[in-house]
Amino acid sequence: MKKFVVLLLMLLPLGVVAQEVKIAIVNSMEIFNVMPEVSDVENQLAALQEQYEKEFKVMQDEYNKKFAEYVEQRDSLTDNIRLRREQEIQDLETRIQNFVPVAQQEIQKKQQELFAPIQEKIHNAIKAVGDEKGYTYILNPQVLLYQGDNAVDATPFVKTKLGLK
């Protein structure tokens, strides 16, 4: 009996190794680029970008106007008024310099927020296809170094799962 148990324990790992490993690839960028939601998100981001550009232009125009007035009147101003206007101009410069990185951060944050549901939808579809087809691994070809002849391209399956052509 002991010999049978030892033999069984020795053969058990061979059974695990003998299981078939099914590997597929999915081009998630190809899928992402044909998702209809992507164009809506890009339009929203373009509108947000345009809002920030308009605000930046308003700030620049205000700065240019105040600076031109200051240069024109500089010689006729008292020291106190001249110093106050210089401080106003410097404050505007600082606001403009701070505006650009804050606007970029807000746009990036909004981009991540809007694209997250699309990426999650793709991920869920890939997982569903993997479960349905019994794939052990699904790889993304953007980081794939070698693809043999036996690899299955699951991209069409995922597109079908998402209702894409």
Protein backbone atom coordinates (compact mmCIF):
# COMPACT_ATOMS: atom_id res chain seq x y z
CA MET A 1 0.00 0.00 0.00
CA LYS A 2 2.84 2.39 0.87
CA LYS A 3 4.44 1.76 -2.51
CA PHE A 4 1.19 2.60 -4.26
CA VAL A 5 0.84 5.93 -2.38
CA VAL A 6 4.47 6.83 -3.12
CA LEU A 7 3.99 5.94 -6.80
CA LEU A 8 0.80 8.01 -6.90
CA LEU A 9 2.56 11.02 -5.33
CA MET A 10 5.38 10.69 -7.85
CA LEU A 11 3.02 10.55 -10.83
CA LEU A 12 0.74 13.35 -9.65
CA PRO A 13 3.08 16.19 -10.73
CA LEU A 14 3.39 14.61 -14.18
CA GLY A 15 -0.37 14.87 -14.58
CA VAL A 16 -0.25 18.58 -13.75
CA VAL A 17 2.58 19.18 -16.23
CA ALA A 18 0.76 17.26 -18.92
CA GLN A 19 -2.18 19.67 -18.85
CA GLU A 20 -2.50 21.67 -22.04
CA VAL A 21 -1.43 25.29 -21.81
CA LYS A 22 -3.44 27.40 -24.22
CA ILE A 23 -1.99 30.79 -25.04
CA ALA A 24 -3.63 33.54 -27.04
CA ILE A 25 -2.77 37.08 -27.97
CA VAL A 26 -5.07 40.09 -28.04
CA ASN A 27 -4.22 43.40 -29.62
CA SER A 28 -5.94 45.59 -27.06
CA MET A 29 -4.88 48.82 -28.82
CA GLU A 30 -6.61 47.69 -32.01
CA ILE A 31 -9.76 46.99 -30.01
CA PHE A 32 -9.45 50.27 -28.09
CA ASN A 33 -9.13 52.27 -31.31
CA VAL A 34 -12.39 50.89 -32.75
CA MET A 35 -14.47 51.32 -29.60
CA PRO A 36 -17.24 53.86 -30.35
CA GLU A 37 -16.89 55.40 -26.88
CA VAL A 38 -13.34 56.53 -27.67
CA SER A 39 -14.45 59.24 -30.13
CA ASP A 40 -16.92 60.62 -27.55
CA VAL A 41 -14.17 60.79 -24.94
CA GLU A 42 -11.79 62.44 -27.40
CA ASN A 43 -14.45 65.06 -28.19
CA GLN A 44 -14.97 65.76 -24.48
CA LEU A 45 -11.22 66.10 -23.96
CA ALA A 46 -10.91 68.42 -26.97
CA ALA A 47 -13.69 70.62 -25.56
CA LEU A 48 -11.94 70.73 -22.18
CA GLN A 49 -8.64 71.58 -23.87
CA GLU A 50 -10.36 74.38 -25.77
CA GLN A 51 -11.81 75.79 -22.53
CA TYR A 52 -8.37 75.91 -20.95
CA GLU A 53 -6.88 77.52 -24.06
CA LYS A 54 -9.56 80.23 -24.00
CA GLU A 55 -8.92 80.91 -20.33
CA PHE A 56 -5.18 81.06 -20.98
CA LYS A 57 -5.73 83.56 -23.81
CA VAL A 58 -7.89 85.75 -21.56
CA MET A 59 -5.13 85.76 -18.94
CA GLN A 60 -2.47 86.55 -21.54
CA ASP A 61 -4.54 89.37 -23.04
CA GLU A 62 -5.06 90.87 -19.57
CA TYR A 63 -1.33 90.63 -18.89
CA ASN A 64 -0.41 92.24 -22.23
CA LYS A 65 -2.91 95.07 -21.68
CA LYS A 66 -1.70 95.84 -18.15
CA PHE A 67 1.94 95.64 -19.20
CA ALA A 68 1.37 97.98 -22.17
CA GLU A 69 -0.47 100.48 -19.94
CA TYR A 70 2.30 100.28 -17.38
CA VAL A 71 5.05 100.90 -19.95
CA GLU A 72 3.09 103.83 -21.39
CA GLN A 73 2.45 105.47 -18.01
CA ARG A 74 5.55 104.36 -16.09
CA ASP A 75 7.31 107.75 -16.15
CA SER A 76 4.26 109.69 -14.98
CA LEU A 77 3.34 107.40 -12.06
CA THR A 78 4.27 108.01 -8.46
CA ASP A 79 6.57 105.47 -6.87
CA ASN A 80 3.79 103.94 -4.81
CA ILE A 81 1.43 103.46 -7.78
CA ARG A 82 4.28 102.22 -10.00
CA LEU A 83 5.27 99.59 -7.43
CA ARG A 84 1.63 98.46 -7.06
CA ARG A 85 1.23 98.07 -10.84
CA GLU A 86 4.52 96.18 -11.09
CA GLN A 87 3.24 93.86 -8.36
CA GLU A 88 -0.05 93.37 -10.27
CA ILE A 89 1.88 92.48 -13.42
CA GLN A 90 4.12 90.09 -11.50
CA ASP A 91 1.06 88.45 -9.91
CA LEU A 92 -0.46 87.96 -13.36
CA GLU A 93 2.78 86.39 -14.60
CA THR A 94 2.75 83.98 -11.66
CA ARG A 95 -0.91 83.08 -12.28
CA ILE A 96 -0.18 82.39 -15.95
CA GLN A 97 2.88 80.26 -15.11
CA ASN A 98 0.89 78.25 -12.55
CA PHE A 99 -2.10 77.87 -14.85
CA VAL A 100 -0.36 75.77 -17.52
CA PRO A 101 0.75 72.81 -15.34
CA VAL A 102 -2.54 72.82 -13.41
CA ALA A 103 -4.51 72.73 -16.67
CA GLN A 104 -2.35 69.87 -17.99
CA GLN A 105 -2.87 67.90 -14.77
CA GLU A 106 -6.63 68.44 -14.92
CA ILE A 107 -6.76 67.27 -18.53
CA GLN A 108 -4.72 64.15 -17.70
CA LYS A 109 -6.94 63.41 -14.71
CA LYS A 110 -10.08 63.79 -16.83
CA GLN A 111 -8.53 61.61 -19.57
CA GLN A 112 -7.82 58.81 -17.09
CA GLU A 113 -11.30 59.17 -15.61
CA LEU A 114 -13.02 58.98 -19.01
CA PHE A 115 -10.89 56.18 -20.49
CA ALA A 116 -11.03 53.94 -17.38
CA PRO A 117 -14.52 52.50 -18.10
CA ILE A 118 -13.53 51.72 -21.70
CA GLN A 119 -10.37 49.96 -20.58
CA GLU A 120 -12.30 48.04 -17.95
CA LYS A 121 -14.88 46.99 -20.56
CA ILE A 122 -12.08 45.67 -22.81
CA HIS A 123 -10.43 43.89 -19.88
CA ASN A 124 -13.72 42.21 -18.91
CA ALA A 125 -14.30 41.09 -22.50
CA ILE A 126 -10.77 39.64 -22.70
CA LYS A 127 -11.33 37.80 -19.44
CA ALA A 128 -14.70 36.46 -20.67
CA VAL A 129 -13.14 35.22 -23.93
CA GLY A 130 -10.31 33.63 -21.96
CA ASP A 131 -12.79 31.81 -19.75
CA GLU A 132 -14.99 30.72 -22.67
CA LYS A 133 -12.13 29.48 -24.84
CA GLY A 134 -10.14 28.00 -21.96
CA TYR A 135 -6.97 30.04 -22.48
CA THR A 136 -4.36 29.75 -19.78
CA TYR A 137 -2.70 33.03 -20.78
CA ILE A 138 -3.72 35.94 -22.98
CA LEU A 139 -0.83 38.19 -23.94
CA ASN A 140 -0.72 41.65 -25.46
CA PRO A 141 1.46 41.76 -28.62
CA GLN A 142 2.81 45.22 -27.74
CA VAL A 143 5.13 43.51 -25.27
CA LEU A 144 5.33 40.12 -26.99
CA LEU A 145 8.87 39.29 -28.08
CA TYR A 146 8.09 36.17 -30.08
CA GLN A 147 4.93 34.61 -31.43
CA GLY A 148 5.05 31.03 -32.60
CA ASP A 149 2.76 29.44 -35.16
CA ASN A 150 0.59 27.86 -32.46
CA ALA A 151 -0.44 31.14 -30.83
CA VAL A 152 -4.09 32.03 -31.25
CA ASP A 153 -5.10 35.60 -32.05
CA ALA A 154 -8.11 36.16 -29.79
CA THR A 155 -8.62 39.76 -30.94
CA PRO A 156 -11.56 38.84 -33.22
CA PHE A 157 -13.23 36.95 -30.36
CA VAL A 158 -12.92 39.95 -28.05
CA LYS A 159 -14.23 42.28 -30.76
CA THR A 160 -17.22 39.97 -31.21
CA LYS A 161 -17.77 39.88 -27.45
CA LEU A 162 -17.85 43.71 -27.48
CA GLY A 163 -20.08 43.84 -30.58
CA LEU A 164 -17.38 45.45 -32.74
CA LYS A 165 -16.44 44.70 -36.34
